[in-house]
Amino acid sequence: MLDDRDRKLLDLLQRDADSALTDLAERVNLSPSACSRRIARLREEGYIDRPVMVLDRARMNVATTVFVMVKTAHHTADWLERFRAGVIDIPEIVEVHRLAGNLDYIIKIVVTDIAHYDAIYKRLVSRIDLFDVSAYISMETLKNDLAVPTGYAS
């Protein structure tokens, strides 16, 4: 069971995984050794998937975001596996979600520009048969928070 200190610790870590242990311990009112043990337990219990560094997309020259909506005429396990294999090793594809409703998938792609997106699109459609593909270019990011709420975990 998670307590309030665990939740606070998880919240702090997901906002800055590079925080000093002493700072984390102070913010959750624990000794550094007790805080370290909690972090180890949270990792062991699977609450912490992995620590990451979030890169500045503009500095990495992939500031353009394209959301691609996909409809497919195929809904077999074999097609899904081919689709998964088709998107998994394209680094510009950073998220893929299977949807409920009138669209089947949404793909989030980060690219340098629209010509770059076109190259990714051609790569994708050469790998897998898609019925209908629509692209939407993000004009502005209003919120981009990787942190998830910690209050629901038990």
Protein backbone atom coordinates (compact mmCIF):
# COMPACT_ATOMS: atom_id res chain seq x y z
CA MET A 1 0.00 0.00 0.00
CA LEU A 2 1.21 3.49 -0.84
CA ASP A 3 1.12 6.20 1.76
CA ASP A 4 1.21 9.97 1.30
CA ARG A 5 5.03 10.04 1.44
CA ASP A 6 5.25 7.42 -1.31
CA ARG A 7 2.85 9.44 -3.49
CA LYS A 8 4.77 12.68 -2.86
CA LEU A 9 8.05 10.92 -3.62
CA LEU A 10 6.67 9.50 -6.86
CA ASP A 11 5.36 12.92 -7.84
CA LEU A 12 8.74 14.55 -7.20
CA LEU A 13 10.67 11.82 -9.04
CA GLN A 14 8.50 11.91 -12.15
CA ARG A 15 8.99 15.65 -12.40
CA ASP A 16 12.78 15.43 -11.93
CA ALA A 17 14.33 11.97 -11.76
CA ASP A 18 17.73 13.61 -11.33
CA SER A 19 16.84 15.16 -7.97
CA ALA A 20 19.40 14.70 -5.23
CA LEU A 21 18.44 12.07 -2.66
CA THR A 22 18.98 14.52 0.20
CA ASP A 23 16.58 17.02 -1.41
CA LEU A 24 13.94 14.34 -1.96
CA ALA A 25 14.32 13.07 1.60
CA GLU A 26 13.92 16.57 3.01
CA ARG A 27 10.79 17.26 0.93
CA VAL A 28 9.07 14.06 2.16
CA ASN A 29 10.36 14.35 5.74
CA LEU A 30 12.53 11.23 5.73
CA SER A 31 16.19 10.48 6.31
CA PRO A 32 18.19 9.93 3.10
CA SER A 33 18.58 6.21 3.89
CA ALA A 34 14.84 5.74 4.51
CA CYS A 35 14.09 7.68 1.34
CA SER A 36 16.52 5.52 -0.65
CA ARG A 37 14.85 2.36 0.69
CA ARG A 38 11.42 3.70 -0.34
CA ILE A 39 12.62 4.47 -3.84
CA ALA A 40 14.10 0.98 -4.13
CA ARG A 41 10.81 -0.55 -2.93
CA LEU A 42 8.77 1.56 -5.35
CA ARG A 43 10.98 0.35 -8.21
CA GLU A 44 10.76 -3.25 -7.04
CA GLU A 45 6.96 -3.07 -6.77
CA GLY A 46 6.69 -1.65 -10.29
CA TYR A 47 5.48 1.87 -9.49
CA ILE A 48 8.58 3.27 -11.20
CA ASP A 49 8.83 2.00 -14.75
CA ARG A 50 12.16 3.63 -15.60
CA PRO A 51 13.99 6.91 -15.02
CA VAL A 52 14.35 9.06 -18.15
CA MET A 53 15.71 12.40 -19.25
CA VAL A 54 13.34 14.55 -21.30
CA LEU A 55 15.18 16.19 -24.18
CA ASP A 56 14.39 19.61 -25.60
CA ARG A 57 12.72 18.82 -28.93
CA ALA A 58 13.63 22.17 -30.47
CA ARG A 59 17.31 21.60 -29.64
CA MET A 60 17.01 18.09 -31.06
CA ASN A 61 15.46 19.62 -34.24
CA VAL A 62 12.22 17.63 -34.03
CA ALA A 63 9.88 20.40 -32.88
CA THR A 64 7.09 19.61 -35.37
CA THR A 65 4.39 17.27 -34.09
CA VAL A 66 2.07 15.42 -36.45
CA PHE A 67 -0.89 13.39 -35.23
CA VAL A 68 -1.88 10.70 -37.69
CA MET A 69 -5.35 9.18 -37.53
CA VAL A 70 -5.60 5.71 -39.03
CA LYS A 71 -8.53 3.59 -40.10
CA THR A 72 -7.92 0.05 -41.18
CA ALA A 73 -10.03 -2.52 -42.94
CA HIS A 74 -8.14 -5.25 -41.08
CA HIS A 75 -8.73 -6.24 -37.47
CA THR A 76 -6.93 -9.56 -37.21
CA ALA A 77 -4.22 -10.40 -34.71
CA ASP A 78 -1.82 -10.99 -37.61
CA TRP A 79 -2.44 -7.51 -39.05
CA LEU A 80 -2.06 -5.92 -35.62
CA GLU A 81 1.29 -7.66 -35.15
CA ARG A 82 2.47 -6.43 -38.58
CA PHE A 83 1.29 -2.91 -37.69
CA ARG A 84 3.13 -3.03 -34.35
CA ALA A 85 6.28 -4.25 -36.09
CA GLY A 86 5.87 -1.52 -38.71
CA VAL A 87 5.83 1.34 -36.21
CA ILE A 88 8.08 0.04 -33.46
CA ASP A 89 11.45 0.79 -35.03
CA ILE A 90 10.66 4.23 -36.49
CA PRO A 91 12.13 6.56 -33.84
CA GLU A 92 10.09 9.55 -34.99
CA ILE A 93 6.94 7.67 -34.01
CA VAL A 94 6.83 8.35 -30.28
CA GLU A 95 3.30 7.14 -29.42
CA VAL A 96 0.72 4.83 -30.95
CA HIS A 97 -2.69 4.22 -29.42
CA ARG A 98 -5.48 1.85 -30.47
CA LEU A 99 -8.78 3.69 -30.15
CA ALA A 100 -12.43 3.00 -29.53
CA GLY A 101 -14.81 4.79 -31.90
CA ASN A 102 -14.71 5.55 -35.59
CA LEU A 103 -10.90 5.72 -35.82
CA ASP A 104 -8.70 2.73 -35.15
CA TYR A 105 -5.31 4.26 -34.22
CA ILE A 106 -3.67 7.58 -33.44
CA ILE A 107 0.04 7.98 -34.02
CA LYS A 108 2.14 10.81 -32.62
CA ILE A 109 5.14 11.62 -34.81
CA VAL A 110 7.89 14.18 -34.10
CA VAL A 111 9.77 15.48 -37.12
CA THR A 112 11.96 18.32 -38.37
CA ASP A 113 9.43 19.53 -40.94
CA ILE A 114 6.62 18.35 -43.23
CA ALA A 115 9.04 16.89 -45.79
CA HIS A 116 10.41 14.74 -42.97
CA TYR A 117 6.87 13.67 -42.07
CA ASP A 118 6.28 12.72 -45.71
CA ALA A 119 9.34 10.44 -45.61
CA ILE A 120 8.04 8.79 -42.42
CA TYR A 121 4.58 8.41 -43.97
CA LYS A 122 6.03 6.70 -47.05
CA ARG A 123 8.08 4.40 -44.83
CA LEU A 124 5.01 3.47 -42.81
CA VAL A 125 2.67 2.78 -45.72
CA SER A 126 5.34 0.69 -47.45
CA ARG A 127 5.31 -1.63 -44.40
CA ILE A 128 1.61 -2.05 -43.73
CA ASP A 129 -1.68 -1.75 -45.59
CA LEU A 130 -3.78 1.13 -44.22
CA PHE A 131 -7.34 1.96 -45.30
CA ASP A 132 -7.52 5.67 -44.45
CA VAL A 133 -4.81 7.98 -43.10
CA SER A 134 -5.29 11.61 -42.04
CA ALA A 135 -2.53 13.84 -40.68
CA TYR A 136 -2.97 16.80 -38.36
CA ILE A 137 -0.09 19.17 -37.70
CA SER A 138 0.12 20.61 -34.20
CA MET A 139 0.34 24.39 -34.37
CA GLU A 140 0.99 24.89 -30.66
CA THR A 141 1.46 22.72 -27.60
CA LEU A 142 -0.75 23.96 -24.79
CA LYS A 143 0.24 21.28 -22.30
CA ASN A 144 2.96 18.66 -22.41
CA ASP A 145 3.26 17.03 -19.03
CA LEU A 146 4.67 13.55 -18.70
CA ALA A 147 3.68 13.32 -15.04
CA VAL A 148 0.66 11.22 -14.12
CA PRO A 149 -1.54 11.78 -11.04
CA THR A 150 -0.27 9.81 -8.06
CA GLY A 151 -3.41 10.01 -5.93
CA TYR A 152 -5.11 6.99 -7.49
CA ALA A 153 -2.40 4.38 -6.85
CA SER A 154 -2.88 1.94 -4.02
